[in-house]
Amino acid sequence: MPEADAGKEAKRFYEDVPMENRGFFLKGASSLDWGMKNRLSRIFNPDTGRTVMLAIDHGYFQGPTTGLERIDLNIVPLMPYADAIMLTRGILRTTVPPWLTKPIVMRCSGGPSILKELSDEHLAVDIEDAIRMNVAAITLQVFIGGEFESRSVHNMTRLVDMGMRYGIPVMAVTAVGKEMVRDARYFRLACRMCAELGVHFLKTYYVEDGFETVAASCPVPIVMAGGKKIPELDALTMAYKAVQEGASGVDMGRNIFQSDAPKAMMQAVRKVVHENVKPAEAYELYEDIKSKGQDND
């Protein structure tokens, strides 16, 4: 996906110069209202400025994804290890214990299944329902370059307007179609568009070449999407690289709940994100917890 000025070779992203936060620990949030900042402070750890989110919303278009067949049995026990949970209102109401105090990032878009064109989404949750469920943030897919790009962008701006009205932050998820190239140029375009149009933080994918420019050119926090299941050490390495190159945390799903030891993996990811532990050391922790059988406690 080329940028409009792709012909210009020299661009300056100042990757080594952090954006000034002006009185609040998250970039781009200094002028937000108290309620917004309070909700963001529940999602992002104020001590580290980072978050480890657990994404379990895959069923809204995939059905019972492997590892999410029984959320009450397999996923609820993982929730205490996460900083925030990303899910749908159906799972929140039917399956999540109301005494869970973890902040909820609730999906508000939907429509097509994996059998159809995924970019053909609409807003699927009313803001009043989000308020009733006391969520910390609301989120949706944005399909930059997709068949229904304009609709998804309009969905986003409507959700931002509603979130601003009631003090609820909005996270955009940069969806990537099958025909699109996953490179830094595309993610710079997608993330910057979403930020320019008002979202408060973003979920996007990691790329080996140029991810630091994606983070540097986006004026709001970026959370790395976990993507498909890969070996545990590779997932920990990807998370480490992402936060070292400017991400404000990770939102992992399949690399957690499809792991052989999900609780151990959650704890290893937390070490990488919040304590800057190197991937090899975090993997040793994963193996140690796994070998002691603590994942089944």
C-alpha atoms as a PDB file:
ATOM      1  CA  MET A   1       0.000   0.000   0.000  1.00  0.00           C
ATOM      2  CA  PRO A   2       2.002   3.042  -1.217  1.00  0.00           C
ATOM      3  CA  GLU A   3       1.879   6.351   0.579  1.00  0.00           C
ATOM      4  CA  ALA A   4       0.875   9.436  -1.392  1.00  0.00           C
ATOM      5  CA  ASP A   5       4.418  10.825  -1.252  1.00  0.00           C
ATOM      6  CA  ALA A   6       6.190   7.493  -1.738  1.00  0.00           C
ATOM      7  CA  GLY A   7       8.526   9.107  -4.231  1.00  0.00           C
ATOM      8  CA  LYS A   8      10.304  11.091  -1.535  1.00  0.00           C
ATOM      9  CA  GLU A   9      13.228   9.062  -0.265  1.00  0.00           C
ATOM     10  CA  ALA A  10      14.221  11.090   2.784  1.00  0.00           C
ATOM     11  CA  LYS A  11      11.873  11.122   5.756  1.00  0.00           C
ATOM     12  CA  ARG A  12      12.719  11.923   9.349  1.00  0.00           C
ATOM     13  CA  PHE A  13      10.871  10.084  12.102  1.00  0.00           C
ATOM     14  CA  TYR A  14      13.233  10.961  15.004  1.00  0.00           C
ATOM     15  CA  GLU A  15      12.873   7.451  16.443  1.00  0.00           C
ATOM     16  CA  ASP A  16      15.363   8.300  19.185  1.00  0.00           C
ATOM     17  CA  VAL A  17      13.434  11.354  20.424  1.00  0.00           C
ATOM     18  CA  PRO A  18      10.410  10.464  22.633  1.00  0.00           C
ATOM     19  CA  MET A  19       7.267  12.524  22.186  1.00  0.00           C
ATOM     20  CA  GLU A  20       6.728  14.949  25.088  1.00  0.00           C
ATOM     21  CA  ASN A  21       3.835  13.749  27.283  1.00  0.00           C
ATOM     22  CA  ARG A  22       3.141  17.012  29.126  1.00  0.00           C
ATOM     23  CA  GLY A  23       1.944  15.881  32.530  1.00  0.00           C
ATOM     24  CA  PHE A  24       0.529  12.422  31.737  1.00  0.00           C
ATOM     25  CA  PHE A  25       2.442   9.208  31.244  1.00  0.00           C
ATOM     26  CA  LEU A  26       0.834   8.214  27.922  1.00  0.00           C
ATOM     27  CA  LYS A  27       1.696  10.097  24.774  1.00  0.00           C
ATOM     28  CA  GLY A  28      -1.069  12.013  23.102  1.00  0.00           C
ATOM     29  CA  ALA A  29      -3.318  11.935  26.187  1.00  0.00           C
ATOM     30  CA  SER A  30      -2.349  15.117  28.035  1.00  0.00           C
ATOM     31  CA  SER A  31      -5.442  17.079  26.976  1.00  0.00           C
ATOM     32  CA  LEU A  32      -7.981  14.331  27.699  1.00  0.00           C
ATOM     33  CA  ASP A  33     -10.547  14.589  30.481  1.00  0.00           C
ATOM     34  CA  TRP A  34      -9.996  13.002  33.895  1.00  0.00           C
ATOM     35  CA  GLY A  35     -12.305  10.079  33.144  1.00  0.00           C
ATOM     36  CA  MET A  36     -10.418   9.224  29.982  1.00  0.00           C
ATOM     37  CA  LYS A  37      -7.087   9.363  31.774  1.00  0.00           C
ATOM     38  CA  ASN A  38      -8.423   7.267  34.632  1.00  0.00           C
ATOM     39  CA  ARG A  39      -9.623   4.552  32.265  1.00  0.00           C
ATOM     40  CA  LEU A  40      -6.361   4.596  30.327  1.00  0.00           C
ATOM     41  CA  SER A  41      -4.468   4.331  33.624  1.00  0.00           C
ATOM     42  CA  ARG A  42      -6.347   1.124  34.355  1.00  0.00           C
ATOM     43  CA  ILE A  43      -5.371  -0.384  31.000  1.00  0.00           C
ATOM     44  CA  PHE A  44      -1.763   0.865  30.957  1.00  0.00           C
ATOM     45  CA  ASN A  45       0.414   0.455  34.036  1.00  0.00           C
ATOM     46  CA  PRO A  46       1.364   3.997  35.155  1.00  0.00           C
ATOM     47  CA  ASP A  47       4.719   2.724  36.449  1.00  0.00           C
ATOM     48  CA  THR A  48       5.826   1.311  33.094  1.00  0.00           C
ATOM     49  CA  GLY A  49       3.500   3.009  30.614  1.00  0.00           C
ATOM     50  CA  ARG A  50       2.796  -0.431  29.142  1.00  0.00           C
ATOM     51  CA  THR A  51       0.082  -3.076  29.106  1.00  0.00           C
ATOM     52  CA  VAL A  52      -0.326  -6.810  28.603  1.00  0.00           C
ATOM     53  CA  MET A  53      -3.792  -7.316  27.156  1.00  0.00           C
ATOM     54  CA  LEU A  54      -5.422 -10.717  26.662  1.00  0.00           C
ATOM     55  CA  ALA A  55      -7.396 -10.847  23.398  1.00  0.00           C
ATOM     56  CA  ILE A  56     -10.247 -13.370  23.360  1.00  0.00           C
ATOM     57  CA  ASP A  57     -12.664 -11.713  20.927  1.00  0.00           C
ATOM     58  CA  HIS A  58     -11.893 -14.000  17.961  1.00  0.00           C
ATOM     59  CA  GLY A  59     -15.282 -15.719  18.131  1.00  0.00           C
ATOM     60  CA  TYR A  60     -17.125 -12.643  16.896  1.00  0.00           C
ATOM     61  CA  PHE A  61     -16.250 -13.661  13.321  1.00  0.00           C
ATOM     62  CA  GLN A  62     -14.454 -17.044  13.659  1.00  0.00           C
ATOM     63  CA  GLY A  63     -16.763 -18.904  16.011  1.00  0.00           C
ATOM     64  CA  PRO A  64     -15.246 -21.205  18.674  1.00  0.00           C
ATOM     65  CA  THR A  65     -11.572 -20.685  17.845  1.00  0.00           C
ATOM     66  CA  THR A  66      -9.134 -23.352  19.042  1.00  0.00           C
ATOM     67  CA  GLY A  67      -8.423 -22.591  22.688  1.00  0.00           C
ATOM     68  CA  LEU A  68     -11.622 -20.566  23.082  1.00  0.00           C
ATOM     69  CA  GLU A  69     -14.082 -23.459  22.953  1.00  0.00           C
ATOM     70  CA  ARG A  70     -14.831 -23.096  26.689  1.00  0.00           C
ATOM     71  CA  ILE A  71     -13.888 -19.639  27.864  1.00  0.00           C
ATOM     72  CA  ASP A  72     -15.260 -20.351  31.344  1.00  0.00           C
ATOM     73  CA  LEU A  73     -12.826 -23.237  31.815  1.00  0.00           C
ATOM     74  CA  ASN A  74      -9.771 -22.235  29.779  1.00  0.00           C
ATOM     75  CA  ILE A  75      -9.715 -18.443  29.735  1.00  0.00           C
ATOM     76  CA  VAL A  76     -11.262 -17.090  32.940  1.00  0.00           C
ATOM     77  CA  PRO A  77      -8.379 -18.597  35.004  1.00  0.00           C
ATOM     78  CA  LEU A  78      -5.918 -16.592  32.854  1.00  0.00           C
ATOM     79  CA  MET A  79      -7.602 -13.239  33.384  1.00  0.00           C
ATOM     80  CA  PRO A  80      -5.919 -12.343  36.708  1.00  0.00           C
ATOM     81  CA  TYR A  81      -2.534 -12.420  34.930  1.00  0.00           C
ATOM     82  CA  ALA A  82      -3.534  -9.805  32.331  1.00  0.00           C
ATOM     83  CA  ASP A  83      -3.595  -6.020  32.654  1.00  0.00           C
ATOM     84  CA  ALA A  84      -6.737  -5.819  30.514  1.00  0.00           C
ATOM     85  CA  ILE A  85      -9.107  -8.152  28.660  1.00  0.00           C
ATOM     86  CA  MET A  86     -10.280  -7.599  25.075  1.00  0.00           C
ATOM     87  CA  LEU A  87     -13.585  -9.348  24.403  1.00  0.00           C
ATOM     88  CA  THR A  88     -17.184  -9.067  23.192  1.00  0.00           C
ATOM     89  CA  ARG A  89     -20.205  -8.037  25.225  1.00  0.00           C
ATOM     90  CA  GLY A  90     -21.702 -11.499  24.802  1.00  0.00           C
ATOM     91  CA  ILE A  91     -18.772 -13.184  26.509  1.00  0.00           C
ATOM     92  CA  LEU A  92     -18.592 -10.449  29.142  1.00  0.00           C
ATOM     93  CA  ARG A  93     -22.226 -10.951  30.153  1.00  0.00           C
ATOM     94  CA  THR A  94     -22.390 -14.733  29.905  1.00  0.00           C
ATOM     95  CA  THR A  95     -18.987 -15.890  31.079  1.00  0.00           C
ATOM     96  CA  VAL A  96     -16.837 -13.334  32.903  1.00  0.00           C
ATOM     97  CA  PRO A  97     -17.381 -13.210  36.686  1.00  0.00           C
ATOM     98  CA  PRO A  98     -18.654  -9.762  37.699  1.00  0.00           C
ATOM     99  CA  TRP A  99     -16.164  -9.643  40.564  1.00  0.00           C
ATOM    100  CA  LEU A 100     -13.287  -9.523  38.059  1.00  0.00           C
ATOM    101  CA  THR A 101     -11.746  -6.073  38.441  1.00  0.00           C
ATOM    102  CA  LYS A 102      -9.557  -6.159  35.337  1.00  0.00           C
ATOM    103  CA  PRO A 103     -10.348  -3.389  32.838  1.00  0.00           C
ATOM    104  CA  ILE A 104     -12.381  -4.447  29.819  1.00  0.00           C
ATOM    105  CA  VAL A 105     -11.655  -3.357  26.259  1.00  0.00           C
ATOM    106  CA  MET A 106     -14.890  -4.248  24.481  1.00  0.00           C
ATOM    107  CA  ARG A 107     -15.251  -4.949  20.769  1.00  0.00           C
ATOM    108  CA  CYS A 108     -17.956  -2.810  19.204  1.00  0.00           C
ATOM    109  CA  SER A 109     -17.788  -3.788  15.522  1.00  0.00           C
ATOM    110  CA  GLY A 110     -19.085  -6.816  13.699  1.00  0.00           C
ATOM    111  CA  GLY A 111     -21.141  -8.199  10.853  1.00  0.00           C
ATOM    112  CA  PRO A 112     -19.469 -10.607   8.426  1.00  0.00           C
ATOM    113  CA  SER A 113     -18.059 -14.007   9.311  1.00  0.00           C
ATOM    114  CA  ILE A 114     -14.894 -15.552   7.930  1.00  0.00           C
ATOM    115  CA  LEU A 115     -17.117 -16.817   5.091  1.00  0.00           C
ATOM    116  CA  LYS A 116     -17.639 -13.274   3.780  1.00  0.00           C
ATOM    117  CA  GLU A 117     -15.737 -10.027   3.114  1.00  0.00           C
ATOM    118  CA  LEU A 118     -14.459  -9.066   6.564  1.00  0.00           C
ATOM    119  CA  SER A 119     -14.232  -5.338   5.892  1.00  0.00           C
ATOM    120  CA  ASP A 120     -18.034  -5.167   5.517  1.00  0.00           C
ATOM    121  CA  GLU A 121     -18.424  -4.329   9.218  1.00  0.00           C
ATOM    122  CA  HIS A 122     -20.782  -2.034  11.087  1.00  0.00           C
ATOM    123  CA  LEU A 123     -20.909  -0.748  14.641  1.00  0.00           C
ATOM    124  CA  ALA A 124     -22.517  -3.508  16.665  1.00  0.00           C
ATOM    125  CA  VAL A 125     -22.739  -2.076  20.206  1.00  0.00           C
ATOM    126  CA  ASP A 126     -24.546   0.993  21.497  1.00  0.00           C
ATOM    127  CA  ILE A 127     -22.476   3.300  23.694  1.00  0.00           C
ATOM    128  CA  GLU A 128     -25.098   3.084  26.442  1.00  0.00           C
ATOM    129  CA  ASP A 129     -24.543  -0.660  26.657  1.00  0.00           C
ATOM    130  CA  ALA A 130     -20.795  -0.091  26.972  1.00  0.00           C
ATOM    131  CA  ILE A 131     -21.492   2.303  29.835  1.00  0.00           C
ATOM    132  CA  ARG A 132     -23.793  -0.231  31.528  1.00  0.00           C
ATOM    133  CA  MET A 133     -21.003  -2.792  31.442  1.00  0.00           C
ATOM    134  CA  ASN A 134     -18.476  -0.371  32.953  1.00  0.00           C
ATOM    135  CA  VAL A 135     -15.870  -0.943  30.248  1.00  0.00           C
ATOM    136  CA  ALA A 136     -12.530   0.841  30.265  1.00  0.00           C
ATOM    137  CA  ALA A 137     -12.304   1.207  26.469  1.00  0.00           C
ATOM    138  CA  ILE A 138     -14.162   0.362  23.281  1.00  0.00           C
ATOM    139  CA  THR A 139     -12.621  -0.960  20.093  1.00  0.00           C
ATOM    140  CA  LEU A 140     -13.250  -1.868  16.460  1.00  0.00           C
ATOM    141  CA  GLN A 141     -11.498  -3.012  13.287  1.00  0.00           C
ATOM    142  CA  VAL A 142     -10.411  -0.432  10.725  1.00  0.00           C
ATOM    143  CA  PHE A 143      -9.757  -1.780   7.230  1.00  0.00           C
ATOM    144  CA  ILE A 144      -7.418   0.710   5.560  1.00  0.00           C
ATOM    145  CA  GLY A 145      -7.178  -0.338   1.935  1.00  0.00           C
ATOM    146  CA  GLY A 146     -10.048  -2.796   2.290  1.00  0.00           C
ATOM    147  CA  GLU A 147     -13.127  -2.973   0.103  1.00  0.00           C
ATOM    148  CA  PHE A 148     -15.207  -1.153   2.724  1.00  0.00           C
ATOM    149  CA  GLU A 149     -12.437   1.142   3.948  1.00  0.00           C
ATOM    150  CA  SER A 150     -14.564   4.304   4.110  1.00  0.00           C
ATOM    151  CA  ARG A 151     -17.313   2.610   6.100  1.00  0.00           C
ATOM    152  CA  SER A 152     -14.853   1.232   8.641  1.00  0.00           C
ATOM    153  CA  VAL A 153     -13.269   4.668   9.026  1.00  0.00           C
ATOM    154  CA  HIS A 154     -16.724   6.194   9.486  1.00  0.00           C
ATOM    155  CA  ASN A 155     -17.531   3.513  12.076  1.00  0.00           C
ATOM    156  CA  MET A 156     -14.360   4.563  13.893  1.00  0.00           C
ATOM    157  CA  THR A 157     -15.104   8.280  13.884  1.00  0.00           C
ATOM    158  CA  ARG A 158     -18.645   7.646  15.132  1.00  0.00           C
ATOM    159  CA  LEU A 159     -17.266   5.494  17.936  1.00  0.00           C
ATOM    160  CA  VAL A 160     -14.703   8.178  18.810  1.00  0.00           C
ATOM    161  CA  ASP A 161     -17.473  10.792  19.000  1.00  0.00           C
ATOM    162  CA  MET A 162     -19.489   8.565  21.332  1.00  0.00           C
ATOM    163  CA  GLY A 163     -16.465   7.729  23.439  1.00  0.00           C
ATOM    164  CA  MET A 164     -15.528  11.386  23.806  1.00  0.00           C
ATOM    165  CA  ARG A 165     -19.075  12.206  24.873  1.00  0.00           C
ATOM    166  CA  TYR A 166     -18.906   9.776  27.787  1.00  0.00           C
ATOM    167  CA  GLY A 167     -15.198   9.652  28.616  1.00  0.00           C
ATOM    168  CA  ILE A 168     -14.455   6.184  27.214  1.00  0.00           C
ATOM    169  CA  PRO A 169     -11.217   5.738  25.203  1.00  0.00           C
ATOM    170  CA  VAL A 170     -11.337   4.150  21.749  1.00  0.00           C
ATOM    171  CA  MET A 171      -8.811   1.670  20.393  1.00  0.00           C
ATOM    172  CA  ALA A 172      -8.603   1.010  16.645  1.00  0.00           C
ATOM    173  CA  VAL A 173      -7.358  -2.334  15.357  1.00  0.00           C
ATOM    174  CA  THR A 174      -5.572  -2.067  12.012  1.00  0.00           C
ATOM    175  CA  ALA A 175      -6.944  -5.039  10.102  1.00  0.00           C
ATOM    176  CA  VAL A 176      -4.870  -6.349   7.204  1.00  0.00           C
ATOM    177  CA  GLY A 177      -6.543  -8.026   4.244  1.00  0.00           C
ATOM    178  CA  LYS A 178      -5.179 -11.137   2.579  1.00  0.00           C
ATOM    179  CA  GLU A 179      -3.963  -9.186  -0.457  1.00  0.00           C
ATOM    180  CA  MET A 180      -2.221  -6.423   1.506  1.00  0.00           C
ATOM    181  CA  VAL A 181       1.490  -6.223   2.218  1.00  0.00           C
ATOM    182  CA  ARG A 182       2.306  -6.200   5.928  1.00  0.00           C
ATOM    183  CA  ASP A 183       5.130  -3.678   5.931  1.00  0.00           C
ATOM    184  CA  ALA A 184       6.045  -0.521   7.823  1.00  0.00           C
ATOM    185  CA  ARG A 185       4.795   1.726   5.019  1.00  0.00           C
ATOM    186  CA  TYR A 186       1.296   0.254   5.261  1.00  0.00           C
ATOM    187  CA  PHE A 187       1.183   0.360   9.062  1.00  0.00           C
ATOM    188  CA  ARG A 188       2.482   3.931   9.157  1.00  0.00           C
ATOM    189  CA  LEU A 189      -0.408   4.877   6.881  1.00  0.00           C
ATOM    190  CA  ALA A 190      -3.060   2.915   8.783  1.00  0.00           C
ATOM    191  CA  CYS A 191      -1.966   3.931  12.284  1.00  0.00           C
ATOM    192  CA  ARG A 192      -1.478   7.593  11.432  1.00  0.00           C
ATOM    193  CA  MET A 193      -4.907   7.795   9.763  1.00  0.00           C
ATOM    194  CA  CYS A 194      -6.594   6.326  12.837  1.00  0.00           C
ATOM    195  CA  ALA A 195      -4.720   8.632  15.205  1.00  0.00           C
ATOM    196  CA  GLU A 196      -5.424  11.704  13.085  1.00  0.00           C
ATOM    197  CA  LEU A 197      -9.130  10.864  13.188  1.00  0.00           C
ATOM    198  CA  GLY A 198      -9.197  10.667  16.959  1.00  0.00           C
ATOM    199  CA  VAL A 199      -8.548   7.215  18.429  1.00  0.00           C
ATOM    200  CA  HIS A 200      -6.771   7.155  21.777  1.00  0.00           C
ATOM    201  CA  PHE A 201      -4.608   4.067  21.205  1.00  0.00           C
ATOM    202  CA  LEU A 202      -4.041   1.487  18.492  1.00  0.00           C
ATOM    203  CA  LYS A 203      -3.513  -2.220  18.056  1.00  0.00           C
ATOM    204  CA  THR A 204      -1.300  -3.127  15.125  1.00  0.00           C
ATOM    205  CA  TYR A 205       1.112  -5.785  13.948  1.00  0.00           C
ATOM    206  CA  TYR A 206       4.864  -5.965  14.404  1.00  0.00           C
ATOM    207  CA  VAL A 207       7.157  -5.869  11.376  1.00  0.00           C
ATOM    208  CA  GLU A 208      10.870  -6.598  11.498  1.00  0.00           C
ATOM    209  CA  ASP A 209      11.873  -3.770   9.189  1.00  0.00           C
ATOM    210  CA  GLY A 210      10.827  -0.300  10.300  1.00  0.00           C
ATOM    211  CA  PHE A 211       8.459  -0.903  13.214  1.00  0.00           C
ATOM    212  CA  GLU A 212      10.173   1.898  15.124  1.00  0.00           C
ATOM    213  CA  THR A 213       9.027   4.318  12.422  1.00  0.00           C
ATOM    214  CA  VAL A 214       5.438   3.106  12.808  1.00  0.00           C
ATOM    215  CA  ALA A 215       5.546   3.817  16.544  1.00  0.00           C
ATOM    216  CA  ALA A 216       7.425   7.107  16.192  1.00  0.00           C
ATOM    217  CA  SER A 217       5.074   8.535  13.564  1.00  0.00           C
ATOM    218  CA  CYS A 218       1.934   7.637  15.541  1.00  0.00           C
ATOM    219  CA  PRO A 219       1.024  10.302  18.165  1.00  0.00           C
ATOM    220  CA  VAL A 220      -0.901   7.843  20.380  1.00  0.00           C
ATOM    221  CA  PRO A 221       0.210   4.583  22.053  1.00  0.00           C
ATOM    222  CA  ILE A 222       0.543   1.465  19.931  1.00  0.00           C
ATOM    223  CA  VAL A 223      -0.129  -2.007  21.316  1.00  0.00           C
ATOM    224  CA  MET A 224       1.342  -4.926  19.375  1.00  0.00           C
ATOM    225  CA  ALA A 225      -1.066  -7.571  18.077  1.00  0.00           C
ATOM    226  CA  GLY A 226       0.062 -11.113  18.765  1.00  0.00           C
ATOM    227  CA  GLY A 227      -1.167 -12.570  15.475  1.00  0.00           C
ATOM    228  CA  LYS A 228      -1.072 -16.253  14.621  1.00  0.00           C
ATOM    229  CA  LYS A 229       0.400 -18.870  16.958  1.00  0.00           C
ATOM    230  CA  ILE A 230       4.180 -19.126  16.751  1.00  0.00           C
ATOM    231  CA  PRO A 231       6.705 -20.879  19.051  1.00  0.00           C
ATOM    232  CA  GLU A 232       6.844 -19.390  22.533  1.00  0.00           C
ATOM    233  CA  LEU A 233      10.403 -18.077  22.264  1.00  0.00           C
ATOM    234  CA  ASP A 234       9.561 -16.423  18.954  1.00  0.00           C
ATOM    235  CA  ALA A 235       6.482 -14.774  20.475  1.00  0.00           C
ATOM    236  CA  LEU A 236       8.498 -13.505  23.432  1.00  0.00           C
ATOM    237  CA  THR A 237      11.166 -12.189  21.062  1.00  0.00           C
ATOM    238  CA  MET A 238       8.552 -10.398  18.972  1.00  0.00           C
ATOM    239  CA  ALA A 239       7.041  -8.812  22.092  1.00  0.00           C
ATOM    240  CA  TYR A 240      10.476  -7.740  23.329  1.00  0.00           C
ATOM    241  CA  LYS A 241      11.420  -6.155  20.022  1.00  0.00           C
ATOM    242  CA  ALA A 242       8.073  -4.356  19.783  1.00  0.00           C
ATOM    243  CA  VAL A 243       8.309  -2.666  23.179  1.00  0.00           C
ATOM    244  CA  GLN A 244      11.981  -1.841  22.697  1.00  0.00           C
ATOM    245  CA  GLU A 245      11.077  -0.191  19.388  1.00  0.00           C
ATOM    246  CA  GLY A 246       8.275   1.943  20.780  1.00  0.00           C
ATOM    247  CA  ALA A 247       5.180  -0.173  21.420  1.00  0.00           C
ATOM    248  CA  SER A 248       3.324   0.501  24.672  1.00  0.00           C
ATOM    249  CA  GLY A 249       2.607  -3.155  25.273  1.00  0.00           C
ATOM    250  CA  VAL A 250       1.044  -6.173  23.606  1.00  0.00           C
ATOM    251  CA  ASP A 251      -2.413  -7.604  23.045  1.00  0.00           C
ATOM    252  CA  MET A 252      -1.921 -11.341  22.649  1.00  0.00           C
ATOM    253  CA  GLY A 253      -4.497 -14.025  22.089  1.00  0.00           C
ATOM    254  CA  ARG A 254      -3.502 -17.188  20.259  1.00  0.00           C
ATOM    255  CA  ASN A 255       0.105 -16.970  21.461  1.00  0.00           C
ATOM    256  CA  ILE A 256      -1.310 -17.184  24.985  1.00  0.00           C
ATOM    257  CA  PHE A 257      -4.357 -19.446  24.960  1.00  0.00           C
ATOM    258  CA  GLN A 258      -2.965 -21.830  22.316  1.00  0.00           C
ATOM    259  CA  SER A 259       0.294 -22.231  24.219  1.00  0.00           C
ATOM    260  CA  ASP A 260       1.025 -25.530  25.966  1.00  0.00           C
ATOM    261  CA  ALA A 261       1.170 -23.571  29.243  1.00  0.00           C
ATOM    262  CA  PRO A 262      -0.972 -20.414  28.981  1.00  0.00           C
ATOM    263  CA  LYS A 263      -0.459 -19.182  32.552  1.00  0.00           C
ATOM    264  CA  ALA A 264       3.286 -19.604  32.237  1.00  0.00           C
ATOM    265  CA  MET A 265       3.250 -17.762  28.922  1.00  0.00           C
ATOM    266  CA  MET A 266       1.259 -14.892  30.404  1.00  0.00           C
ATOM    267  CA  GLN A 267       3.815 -14.484  33.171  1.00  0.00           C
ATOM    268  CA  ALA A 268       6.728 -14.656  30.744  1.00  0.00           C
ATOM    269  CA  VAL A 269       5.161 -12.003  28.505  1.00  0.00           C
ATOM    270  CA  ARG A 270       4.621  -9.756  31.530  1.00  0.00           C
ATOM    271  CA  LYS A 271       8.325  -9.998  32.362  1.00  0.00           C
ATOM    272  CA  VAL A 272       9.262  -8.949  28.840  1.00  0.00           C
ATOM    273  CA  VAL A 273       6.780  -6.066  28.669  1.00  0.00           C
ATOM    274  CA  HIS A 274       6.964  -4.581  32.155  1.00  0.00           C
ATOM    275  CA  GLU A 275      10.496  -5.488  33.229  1.00  0.00           C
ATOM    276  CA  ASN A 276      12.386  -5.492  29.901  1.00  0.00           C
ATOM    277  CA  VAL A 277      13.527  -9.054  30.566  1.00  0.00           C
ATOM    278  CA  LYS A 278      15.331 -10.541  27.577  1.00  0.00           C
ATOM    279  CA  PRO A 279      13.409 -13.195  25.594  1.00  0.00           C
ATOM    280  CA  ALA A 280      15.754 -16.064  26.493  1.00  0.00           C
ATOM    281  CA  GLU A 281      15.406 -15.354  30.218  1.00  0.00           C
ATOM    282  CA  ALA A 282      11.635 -15.018  29.915  1.00  0.00           C
ATOM    283  CA  TYR A 283      11.512 -18.319  28.057  1.00  0.00           C
ATOM    284  CA  GLU A 284      13.426 -19.984  30.889  1.00  0.00           C
ATOM    285  CA  LEU A 285      10.760 -18.686  33.279  1.00  0.00           C
ATOM    286  CA  TYR A 286       8.067 -20.106  30.992  1.00  0.00           C
ATOM    287  CA  GLU A 287       9.741 -23.517  30.939  1.00  0.00           C
ATOM    288  CA  ASP A 288      10.270 -23.483  34.707  1.00  0.00           C
ATOM    289  CA  ILE A 289       6.621 -22.720  35.487  1.00  0.00           C
ATOM    290  CA  LYS A 290       5.515 -25.259  32.901  1.00  0.00           C
ATOM    291  CA  SER A 291       7.789 -28.007  34.281  1.00  0.00           C
ATOM    292  CA  LYS A 292       6.474 -27.509  37.815  1.00  0.00           C
ATOM    293  CA  GLY A 293       2.904 -27.971  36.652  1.00  0.00           C
ATOM    294  CA  GLN A 294       1.885 -24.600  38.073  1.00  0.00           C
ATOM    295  CA  ASP A 295      -0.073 -23.872  34.912  1.00  0.00           C
ATOM    296  CA  ASN A 296      -2.711 -26.321  36.094  1.00  0.00           C
ATOM    297  CA  ASP A 297      -3.129 -24.835  39.563  1.00  0.00           C
END
